[in-house]
Amino acid sequence: MTDRFELSAGADIAGPSGQIDDGGVMTLFTRLFEGLTKAHAPDAVSRALSINCDFVGPIEPGETLTGQAQVTRATRSVMFMSAEIKAGSRFIATANAVYKLLV
């Protein structure tokens, strides 16, 4: 599929210590997937059925993360998506998600 959603995030997803941690990365994935479901089905309400995440690299203090997600398969009521998060050109994490669309 060609539907894609991209965003950047920095201090707005940082934890109490000011560093971006695993919770911040999961927040970014959630924003990516929700943005993609809205772009694909703007009138539908979406609910996450499953999000699987793999961390593949460290996050350095002060780094800004960028992410993009894409639809890998969609039916009328379910979307399958994949996403990646990078810091510059380094991979930080990848994820796959399944969302239910309520029309």
N, C-alpha and C. Protein backbone atom coordinates (compact mmCIF):
# COMPACT_ATOMS: atom_id res chain seq x y z
N MET A 1 0.83 -1.19 0.00
CA MET A 1 0.00 0.00 0.00
C MET A 1 0.87 1.24 0.00
N THR A 2 0.30 2.33 -0.43
CA THR A 2 1.07 3.55 -0.51
C THR A 2 0.83 4.52 0.64
N ASP A 3 -0.18 4.27 1.48
CA ASP A 3 -0.45 5.18 2.60
C ASP A 3 0.73 5.18 3.57
N ARG A 4 1.23 6.38 3.88
CA ARG A 4 2.33 6.53 4.82
C ARG A 4 2.02 7.71 5.74
N PHE A 5 2.61 7.66 6.92
CA PHE A 5 2.48 8.76 7.87
C PHE A 5 3.83 8.96 8.51
N GLU A 6 4.27 10.23 8.59
CA GLU A 6 5.57 10.54 9.16
C GLU A 6 5.43 11.62 10.21
N LEU A 7 6.33 11.61 11.20
CA LEU A 7 6.39 12.69 12.18
C LEU A 7 7.74 12.69 12.86
N SER A 8 8.02 13.80 13.54
CA SER A 8 9.24 13.94 14.33
C SER A 8 8.83 14.25 15.76
N ALA A 9 9.65 13.84 16.69
CA ALA A 9 9.37 14.11 18.09
C ALA A 9 10.66 14.29 18.85
N GLY A 10 10.62 15.13 19.84
CA GLY A 10 11.79 15.38 20.68
C GLY A 10 11.38 15.41 22.13
N ALA A 11 11.48 16.58 22.74
CA ALA A 11 11.22 16.73 24.17
C ALA A 11 9.78 16.39 24.56
N ASP A 12 8.83 16.46 23.60
CA ASP A 12 7.43 16.20 23.95
C ASP A 12 7.17 14.75 24.32
N ILE A 13 8.10 13.83 24.03
CA ILE A 13 7.91 12.43 24.43
C ILE A 13 8.97 11.99 25.44
N ALA A 14 9.70 12.94 25.98
CA ALA A 14 10.73 12.61 26.97
C ALA A 14 10.09 12.20 28.29
N GLY A 15 10.78 11.34 29.01
CA GLY A 15 10.33 10.89 30.31
C GLY A 15 10.65 11.92 31.38
N PRO A 16 10.38 11.60 32.64
CA PRO A 16 10.63 12.54 33.74
C PRO A 16 12.08 12.98 33.84
N SER A 17 13.01 12.13 33.42
CA SER A 17 14.43 12.49 33.48
C SER A 17 14.86 13.40 32.34
N GLY A 18 13.95 13.63 31.37
CA GLY A 18 14.29 14.46 30.22
C GLY A 18 14.81 13.64 29.05
N GLN A 19 15.05 12.35 29.27
CA GLN A 19 15.52 11.49 28.18
C GLN A 19 14.36 10.74 27.56
N ILE A 20 14.50 10.43 26.29
CA ILE A 20 13.51 9.60 25.62
C ILE A 20 13.81 8.15 25.95
N ASP A 21 12.83 7.47 26.54
CA ASP A 21 13.03 6.09 26.94
C ASP A 21 12.08 5.18 26.16
N ASP A 22 11.96 3.93 26.59
CA ASP A 22 11.09 3.00 25.88
C ASP A 22 9.64 3.46 25.87
N GLY A 23 9.19 4.10 26.92
CA GLY A 23 7.82 4.62 26.95
C GLY A 23 7.61 5.71 25.91
N GLY A 24 8.62 6.56 25.74
CA GLY A 24 8.54 7.61 24.72
C GLY A 24 8.51 7.04 23.31
N VAL A 25 9.28 5.98 23.09
CA VAL A 25 9.29 5.33 21.78
C VAL A 25 7.93 4.70 21.50
N MET A 26 7.33 4.07 22.50
CA MET A 26 6.00 3.49 22.31
C MET A 26 4.95 4.58 22.07
N THR A 27 5.10 5.73 22.72
CA THR A 27 4.21 6.86 22.46
C THR A 27 4.33 7.30 21.01
N LEU A 28 5.56 7.38 20.51
CA LEU A 28 5.77 7.77 19.12
C LEU A 28 5.16 6.75 18.16
N PHE A 29 5.33 5.46 18.43
CA PHE A 29 4.70 4.43 17.60
C PHE A 29 3.18 4.58 17.61
N THR A 30 2.61 4.82 18.77
CA THR A 30 1.16 4.98 18.86
C THR A 30 0.70 6.16 18.03
N ARG A 31 1.42 7.27 18.09
CA ARG A 31 1.07 8.45 17.28
C ARG A 31 1.18 8.14 15.79
N LEU A 32 2.22 7.42 15.40
CA LEU A 32 2.38 7.04 14.01
C LEU A 32 1.21 6.20 13.52
N PHE A 33 0.88 5.15 14.28
CA PHE A 33 -0.20 4.26 13.86
C PHE A 33 -1.56 4.96 13.86
N GLU A 34 -1.82 5.78 14.86
CA GLU A 34 -3.09 6.49 14.90
C GLU A 34 -3.19 7.51 13.78
N GLY A 35 -2.10 8.18 13.46
CA GLY A 35 -2.09 9.12 12.34
C GLY A 35 -2.35 8.42 11.02
N LEU A 36 -1.78 7.25 10.87
CA LEU A 36 -1.97 6.49 9.64
C LEU A 36 -3.40 5.99 9.51
N THR A 37 -4.00 5.54 10.61
CA THR A 37 -5.39 5.09 10.54
C THR A 37 -6.32 6.25 10.18
N LYS A 38 -6.04 7.44 10.71
CA LYS A 38 -6.86 8.62 10.38
C LYS A 38 -6.68 9.01 8.91
N ALA A 39 -5.46 8.90 8.40
CA ALA A 39 -5.22 9.22 6.99
C ALA A 39 -5.91 8.21 6.07
N HIS A 40 -5.93 6.95 6.49
CA HIS A 40 -6.51 5.89 5.66
C HIS A 40 -8.03 5.85 5.77
N ALA A 41 -8.57 6.07 6.96
CA ALA A 41 -10.01 5.99 7.20
C ALA A 41 -10.43 7.14 8.11
N PRO A 42 -10.55 8.36 7.57
CA PRO A 42 -10.77 9.54 8.41
C PRO A 42 -12.07 9.52 9.21
N ASP A 43 -13.07 8.80 8.76
CA ASP A 43 -14.36 8.78 9.47
C ASP A 43 -14.47 7.65 10.48
N ALA A 44 -13.50 6.78 10.53
CA ALA A 44 -13.55 5.62 11.41
C ALA A 44 -12.90 5.92 12.77
N VAL A 45 -13.38 5.24 13.78
CA VAL A 45 -12.74 5.24 15.09
C VAL A 45 -11.83 4.02 15.10
N SER A 46 -10.60 4.18 15.53
CA SER A 46 -9.66 3.05 15.51
C SER A 46 -9.30 2.62 16.92
N ARG A 47 -9.07 1.33 17.08
CA ARG A 47 -8.66 0.74 18.35
C ARG A 47 -7.51 -0.21 18.09
N ALA A 48 -6.45 -0.10 18.88
CA ALA A 48 -5.31 -1.01 18.73
C ALA A 48 -5.70 -2.41 19.20
N LEU A 49 -5.45 -3.40 18.36
CA LEU A 49 -5.63 -4.79 18.76
C LEU A 49 -4.30 -5.39 19.20
N SER A 50 -3.22 -4.95 18.53
CA SER A 50 -1.89 -5.50 18.84
C SER A 50 -0.83 -4.53 18.35
N ILE A 51 0.19 -4.31 19.19
CA ILE A 51 1.38 -3.55 18.79
C ILE A 51 2.58 -4.32 19.30
N ASN A 52 3.45 -4.74 18.39
CA ASN A 52 4.68 -5.45 18.76
C ASN A 52 5.87 -4.58 18.38
N CYS A 53 6.78 -4.39 19.32
CA CYS A 53 7.91 -3.48 19.12
C CYS A 53 9.23 -4.20 19.38
N ASP A 54 10.22 -3.92 18.55
CA ASP A 54 11.58 -4.42 18.75
C ASP A 54 12.53 -3.23 18.80
N PHE A 55 13.26 -3.11 19.91
CA PHE A 55 14.28 -2.07 20.03
C PHE A 55 15.57 -2.60 19.43
N VAL A 56 16.17 -1.81 18.53
CA VAL A 56 17.37 -2.28 17.85
C VAL A 56 18.58 -1.37 18.06
N GLY A 57 18.41 -0.25 18.76
CA GLY A 57 19.54 0.64 18.99
C GLY A 57 19.28 1.58 20.15
N PRO A 58 20.33 2.13 20.73
CA PRO A 58 20.18 3.02 21.87
C PRO A 58 19.75 4.43 21.46
N ILE A 59 19.17 5.14 22.40
CA ILE A 59 18.82 6.54 22.20
C ILE A 59 19.78 7.37 23.04
N GLU A 60 20.45 8.29 22.39
CA GLU A 60 21.39 9.16 23.08
C GLU A 60 20.64 10.38 23.62
N PRO A 61 21.07 10.93 24.76
CA PRO A 61 20.42 12.13 25.29
C PRO A 61 20.42 13.26 24.26
N GLY A 62 19.27 13.92 24.13
CA GLY A 62 19.15 15.06 23.23
C GLY A 62 18.84 14.73 21.79
N GLU A 63 18.77 13.45 21.44
CA GLU A 63 18.48 13.09 20.05
C GLU A 63 17.01 13.33 19.72
N THR A 64 16.75 13.77 18.52
CA THR A 64 15.39 13.90 18.02
C THR A 64 15.09 12.66 17.19
N LEU A 65 13.95 12.07 17.44
CA LEU A 65 13.56 10.86 16.72
C LEU A 65 12.61 11.19 15.59
N THR A 66 12.73 10.47 14.50
CA THR A 66 11.80 10.58 13.39
C THR A 66 11.22 9.20 13.14
N GLY A 67 10.00 9.18 12.68
CA GLY A 67 9.37 7.90 12.43
C GLY A 67 8.45 7.95 11.23
N GLN A 68 8.23 6.80 10.66
CA GLN A 68 7.26 6.69 9.59
C GLN A 68 6.57 5.34 9.69
N ALA A 69 5.33 5.31 9.27
CA ALA A 69 4.54 4.08 9.30
C ALA A 69 3.88 3.90 7.95
N GLN A 70 3.58 2.66 7.63
CA GLN A 70 2.88 2.37 6.39
C GLN A 70 1.89 1.23 6.58
N VAL A 71 0.85 1.27 5.78
CA VAL A 71 -0.14 0.20 5.79
C VAL A 71 0.43 -0.95 4.97
N THR A 72 0.47 -2.13 5.56
CA THR A 72 0.94 -3.30 4.84
C THR A 72 -0.22 -4.11 4.27
N ARG A 73 -1.39 -3.98 4.91
CA ARG A 73 -2.60 -4.67 4.44
C ARG A 73 -3.79 -4.04 5.12
N ALA A 74 -4.90 -3.94 4.41
CA ALA A 74 -6.10 -3.36 5.00
C ALA A 74 -7.35 -4.04 4.46
N THR A 75 -8.29 -4.25 5.35
CA THR A 75 -9.62 -4.70 4.96
C THR A 75 -10.58 -3.58 5.35
N ARG A 76 -11.87 -3.81 5.25
CA ARG A 76 -12.82 -2.76 5.64
C ARG A 76 -12.76 -2.47 7.13
N SER A 77 -12.37 -3.46 7.93
CA SER A 77 -12.45 -3.26 9.38
C SER A 77 -11.13 -3.48 10.13
N VAL A 78 -10.08 -3.89 9.45
CA VAL A 78 -8.80 -4.14 10.12
C VAL A 78 -7.66 -3.58 9.28
N MET A 79 -6.70 -2.93 9.95
CA MET A 79 -5.49 -2.43 9.27
C MET A 79 -4.26 -3.08 9.88
N PHE A 80 -3.37 -3.53 9.03
CA PHE A 80 -2.07 -4.06 9.44
C PHE A 80 -1.03 -3.04 9.01
N MET A 81 -0.16 -2.65 9.95
CA MET A 81 0.80 -1.59 9.67
C MET A 81 2.19 -1.96 10.19
N SER A 82 3.18 -1.33 9.62
CA SER A 82 4.55 -1.46 10.14
C SER A 82 5.12 -0.05 10.27
N ALA A 83 6.10 0.09 11.17
CA ALA A 83 6.70 1.40 11.40
C ALA A 83 8.15 1.25 11.81
N GLU A 84 8.87 2.33 11.64
CA GLU A 84 10.27 2.38 12.09
C GLU A 84 10.54 3.75 12.68
N ILE A 85 11.45 3.77 13.64
CA ILE A 85 11.88 5.02 14.26
C ILE A 85 13.39 5.10 14.12
N LYS A 86 13.87 6.28 13.74
CA LYS A 86 15.30 6.50 13.56
C LYS A 86 15.75 7.74 14.35
N ALA A 87 17.01 7.76 14.66
CA ALA A 87 17.69 8.95 15.16
C ALA A 87 18.75 9.25 14.11
N GLY A 88 18.49 10.25 13.29
CA GLY A 88 19.35 10.47 12.13
C GLY A 88 19.18 9.32 11.16
N SER A 89 20.27 8.62 10.85
CA SER A 89 20.18 7.47 9.94
C SER A 89 20.21 6.14 10.70
N ARG A 90 20.30 6.20 12.05
CA ARG A 90 20.35 4.98 12.86
C ARG A 90 18.96 4.49 13.23
N PHE A 91 18.72 3.20 13.04
CA PHE A 91 17.46 2.60 13.49
C PHE A 91 17.45 2.51 15.01
N ILE A 92 16.33 2.91 15.59
CA ILE A 92 16.12 2.82 17.04
C ILE A 92 15.18 1.66 17.35
N ALA A 93 14.07 1.59 16.60
CA ALA A 93 13.07 0.56 16.87
C ALA A 93 12.21 0.33 15.64
N THR A 94 11.61 -0.85 15.59
CA THR A 94 10.64 -1.19 14.56
C THR A 94 9.39 -1.74 15.27
N ALA A 95 8.26 -1.65 14.60
CA ALA A 95 7.02 -2.16 15.19
C ALA A 95 6.05 -2.60 14.11
N ASN A 96 5.17 -3.50 14.50
CA ASN A 96 4.05 -3.94 13.68
C ASN A 96 2.79 -3.77 14.51
N ALA A 97 1.70 -3.41 13.86
CA ALA A 97 0.46 -3.19 14.59
C ALA A 97 -0.74 -3.70 13.80
N VAL A 98 -1.78 -4.05 14.54
CA VAL A 98 -3.07 -4.39 13.98
C VAL A 98 -4.09 -3.51 14.67
N TYR A 99 -4.85 -2.76 13.89
CA TYR A 99 -5.88 -1.87 14.42
C TYR A 99 -7.24 -2.26 13.87
N LYS A 100 -8.24 -2.18 14.71
CA LYS A 100 -9.63 -2.41 14.33
C LYS A 100 -10.23 -1.06 13.96
N LEU A 101 -10.93 -1.00 12.83
CA LEU A 101 -11.62 0.21 12.40
C LEU A 101 -13.10 0.05 12.68
N LEU A 102 -13.65 0.98 13.44
CA LEU A 102 -15.08 0.96 13.76
C LEU A 102 -15.75 2.06 12.94
N VAL A 103 -16.56 1.67 11.98
CA VAL A 103 -17.18 2.64 11.08
C VAL A 103 -18.61 2.90 11.47
